[in-house]
């Protein structure tokens, strides 16, 4: 019975290794088999994607932010509205403070005094 279980486990491991190997190019696991090849392939994929994603993501976000700011300044200079929103409305939303900080500070001071 234990022999059957061991054979079944070995067959499953071989099947899983075969599926894992199909996801990575053959050069990554040449000379190695099993889990070490999978880990090596996984590490090489993660490192290459991580560096590129960080750089390109920062650049894209910076460009988008600059474009949005440029559009805002242009619309402010030319008095252009978008769906009845003007630059003054955007400034009001930026300046608006949704949290009443003064009241919050007073509440915190009162609660500390009670302790």
C-alpha atoms as a PDB file:
ATOM      1  CA  UNK A   1       0.000   0.000   0.000  1.00  0.00           C
ATOM      2  CA  UNK A   2       2.795   2.424   0.826  1.00  0.00           C
ATOM      3  CA  UNK A   3       4.431   1.532  -2.466  1.00  0.00           C
ATOM      4  CA  UNK A   4       1.320   2.546  -4.345  1.00  0.00           C
ATOM      5  CA  UNK A   5       1.173   5.843  -2.480  1.00  0.00           C
ATOM      6  CA  UNK A   6       4.839   6.515  -3.182  1.00  0.00           C
ATOM      7  CA  UNK A   7       4.370   5.713  -6.865  1.00  0.00           C
ATOM      8  CA  UNK A   8       1.309   7.925  -7.037  1.00  0.00           C
ATOM      9  CA  UNK A   9       3.177  10.757  -5.302  1.00  0.00           C
ATOM     10  CA  UNK A  10       6.118  10.360  -7.700  1.00  0.00           C
ATOM     11  CA  UNK A  11       3.778  10.439 -10.688  1.00  0.00           C
ATOM     12  CA  UNK A  12       2.106  13.589  -9.365  1.00  0.00           C
ATOM     13  CA  UNK A  13       5.471  15.262  -8.779  1.00  0.00           C
ATOM     14  CA  UNK A  14       6.566  14.403 -12.312  1.00  0.00           C
ATOM     15  CA  UNK A  15       3.306  15.761 -13.709  1.00  0.00           C
ATOM     16  CA  UNK A  16       3.611  18.997 -11.722  1.00  0.00           C
ATOM     17  CA  UNK A  17       7.237  19.422 -12.817  1.00  0.00           C
ATOM     18  CA  UNK A  18       6.190  18.871 -16.418  1.00  0.00           C
ATOM     19  CA  UNK A  19       3.489  21.542 -16.151  1.00  0.00           C
ATOM     20  CA  UNK A  20       5.890  23.968 -14.446  1.00  0.00           C
ATOM     21  CA  UNK A  21       8.491  23.412 -17.140  1.00  0.00           C
ATOM     22  CA  UNK A  22       5.959  24.266 -19.821  1.00  0.00           C
ATOM     23  CA  UNK A  23       5.650  27.810 -18.455  1.00  0.00           C
ATOM     24  CA  UNK A  24       9.354  28.643 -18.747  1.00  0.00           C
ATOM     25  CA  UNK A  25      11.767  28.534 -21.669  1.00  0.00           C
ATOM     26  CA  UNK A  26      14.071  25.543 -21.895  1.00  0.00           C
ATOM     27  CA  UNK A  27      17.199  27.664 -21.408  1.00  0.00           C
ATOM     28  CA  UNK A  28      16.198  28.564 -17.854  1.00  0.00           C
ATOM     29  CA  UNK A  29      16.084  24.958 -16.652  1.00  0.00           C
ATOM     30  CA  UNK A  30      18.804  23.408 -18.823  1.00  0.00           C
ATOM     31  CA  UNK A  31      20.881  21.068 -16.667  1.00  0.00           C
ATOM     32  CA  UNK A  32      18.490  21.153 -13.699  1.00  0.00           C
ATOM     33  CA  UNK A  33      15.283  19.353 -12.993  1.00  0.00           C
ATOM     34  CA  UNK A  34      12.433  19.543 -10.548  1.00  0.00           C
ATOM     35  CA  UNK A  35      12.019  22.252  -7.975  1.00  0.00           C
ATOM     36  CA  UNK A  36      15.406  23.908  -8.474  1.00  0.00           C
ATOM     37  CA  UNK A  37      14.628  24.583 -12.120  1.00  0.00           C
ATOM     38  CA  UNK A  38      11.240  25.998 -11.199  1.00  0.00           C
ATOM     39  CA  UNK A  39      12.708  28.261  -8.521  1.00  0.00           C
ATOM     40  CA  UNK A  40      15.492  29.446 -10.822  1.00  0.00           C
ATOM     41  CA  UNK A  41      13.024  30.231 -13.595  1.00  0.00           C
ATOM     42  CA  UNK A  42      10.681  31.964 -11.178  1.00  0.00           C
ATOM     43  CA  UNK A  43      13.465  34.102  -9.713  1.00  0.00           C
ATOM     44  CA  UNK A  44      14.727  35.204 -13.121  1.00  0.00           C
ATOM     45  CA  UNK A  45      11.225  36.147 -14.270  1.00  0.00           C
ATOM     46  CA  UNK A  46      10.443  38.091 -11.071  1.00  0.00           C
ATOM     47  CA  UNK A  47      13.700  40.064 -11.039  1.00  0.00           C
ATOM     48  CA  UNK A  48      13.487  41.171 -14.642  1.00  0.00           C
ATOM     49  CA  UNK A  49       9.846  42.237 -14.390  1.00  0.00           C
ATOM     50  CA  UNK A  50      10.287  43.999 -11.064  1.00  0.00           C
ATOM     51  CA  UNK A  51      12.993  46.390 -12.258  1.00  0.00           C
ATOM     52  CA  UNK A  52      11.243  47.279 -15.485  1.00  0.00           C
ATOM     53  CA  UNK A  53       7.833  47.750 -13.899  1.00  0.00           C
ATOM     54  CA  UNK A  54       9.169  50.149 -11.256  1.00  0.00           C
ATOM     55  CA  UNK A  55      10.937  52.360 -13.762  1.00  0.00           C
ATOM     56  CA  UNK A  56       8.240  52.423 -16.419  1.00  0.00           C
ATOM     57  CA  UNK A  57       5.465  52.896 -13.881  1.00  0.00           C
ATOM     58  CA  UNK A  58       7.159  55.917 -12.340  1.00  0.00           C
ATOM     59  CA  UNK A  59       7.778  57.456 -15.744  1.00  0.00           C
ATOM     60  CA  UNK A  60       4.218  56.901 -16.893  1.00  0.00           C
ATOM     61  CA  UNK A  61       2.760  58.330 -13.689  1.00  0.00           C
ATOM     62  CA  UNK A  62       5.030  61.378 -13.925  1.00  0.00           C
ATOM     63  CA  UNK A  63       4.049  62.024 -17.538  1.00  0.00           C
ATOM     64  CA  UNK A  64       0.349  61.647 -16.734  1.00  0.00           C
ATOM     65  CA  UNK A  65       0.644  64.042 -13.787  1.00  0.00           C
ATOM     66  CA  UNK A  66       2.465  66.618 -15.931  1.00  0.00           C
ATOM     67  CA  UNK A  67      -0.148  66.325 -18.669  1.00  0.00           C
ATOM     68  CA  UNK A  68      -3.022  66.750 -16.224  1.00  0.00           C
ATOM     69  CA  UNK A  69      -1.345  69.812 -14.706  1.00  0.00           C
ATOM     70  CA  UNK A  70      -0.673  71.282 -18.151  1.00  0.00           C
ATOM     71  CA  UNK A  71      -4.306  70.758 -19.166  1.00  0.00           C
ATOM     72  CA  UNK A  72      -5.449  72.394 -15.914  1.00  0.00           C
ATOM     73  CA  UNK A  73      -3.237  75.447 -16.466  1.00  0.00           C
ATOM     74  CA  UNK A  74      -4.327  75.707 -20.104  1.00  0.00           C
ATOM     75  CA  UNK A  75      -8.014  75.512 -19.159  1.00  0.00           C
ATOM     76  CA  UNK A  76      -7.463  78.132 -16.450  1.00  0.00           C
ATOM     77  CA  UNK A  77      -5.730  80.520 -18.862  1.00  0.00           C
ATOM     78  CA  UNK A  78      -8.283  80.111 -21.656  1.00  0.00           C
ATOM     79  CA  UNK A  79     -11.317  80.029 -19.319  1.00  0.00           C
ATOM     80  CA  UNK A  80     -12.392  76.645 -20.680  1.00  0.00           C
ATOM     81  CA  UNK A  81     -15.016  74.641 -18.829  1.00  0.00           C
ATOM     82  CA  UNK A  82     -15.539  70.909 -18.906  1.00  0.00           C
ATOM     83  CA  UNK A  83     -19.060  69.651 -18.139  1.00  0.00           C
ATOM     84  CA  UNK A  84     -19.755  73.011 -16.486  1.00  0.00           C
ATOM     85  CA  UNK A  85     -16.673  72.716 -14.249  1.00  0.00           C
ATOM     86  CA  UNK A  86     -14.147  75.542 -14.355  1.00  0.00           C
ATOM     87  CA  UNK A  87     -10.689  75.887 -12.851  1.00  0.00           C
ATOM     88  CA  UNK A  88     -12.185  77.842  -9.926  1.00  0.00           C
ATOM     89  CA  UNK A  89     -14.371  74.841  -9.062  1.00  0.00           C
ATOM     90  CA  UNK A  90     -11.302  72.596  -9.033  1.00  0.00           C
ATOM     91  CA  UNK A  91      -9.498  75.053  -6.744  1.00  0.00           C
ATOM     92  CA  UNK A  92     -12.478  75.018  -4.388  1.00  0.00           C
ATOM     93  CA  UNK A  93     -12.354  71.226  -4.215  1.00  0.00           C
ATOM     94  CA  UNK A  94      -8.607  71.282  -3.554  1.00  0.00           C
ATOM     95  CA  UNK A  95      -8.927  73.899  -0.803  1.00  0.00           C
ATOM     96  CA  UNK A  96     -11.981  72.257   0.759  1.00  0.00           C
ATOM     97  CA  UNK A  97     -11.084  70.369   3.911  1.00  0.00           C
ATOM     98  CA  UNK A  98     -13.429  67.415   4.430  1.00  0.00           C
ATOM     99  CA  UNK A  99     -12.205  66.868   7.979  1.00  0.00           C
ATOM    100  CA  UNK A 100     -12.813  69.636  10.517  1.00  0.00           C
ATOM    101  CA  UNK A 101      -9.314  69.465  11.976  1.00  0.00           C
ATOM    102  CA  UNK A 102      -9.929  72.156  14.577  1.00  0.00           C
ATOM    103  CA  UNK A 103     -12.881  70.271  16.027  1.00  0.00           C
ATOM    104  CA  UNK A 104     -10.944  67.024  15.892  1.00  0.00           C
ATOM    105  CA  UNK A 105      -8.002  68.571  17.752  1.00  0.00           C
ATOM    106  CA  UNK A 106     -10.308  69.968  20.424  1.00  0.00           C
ATOM    107  CA  UNK A 107     -11.951  66.576  20.873  1.00  0.00           C
ATOM    108  CA  UNK A 108      -8.563  64.896  21.255  1.00  0.00           C
ATOM    109  CA  UNK A 109      -7.397  67.502  23.781  1.00  0.00           C
ATOM    110  CA  UNK A 110     -10.566  67.068  25.824  1.00  0.00           C
ATOM    111  CA  UNK A 111     -10.223  63.266  25.798  1.00  0.00           C
ATOM    112  CA  UNK A 112      -6.572  63.496  26.959  1.00  0.00           C
ATOM    113  CA  UNK A 113      -7.527  65.878  29.762  1.00  0.00           C
ATOM    114  CA  UNK A 114     -10.098  63.409  31.020  1.00  0.00           C
ATOM    115  CA  UNK A 115      -7.476  60.664  31.292  1.00  0.00           C
END
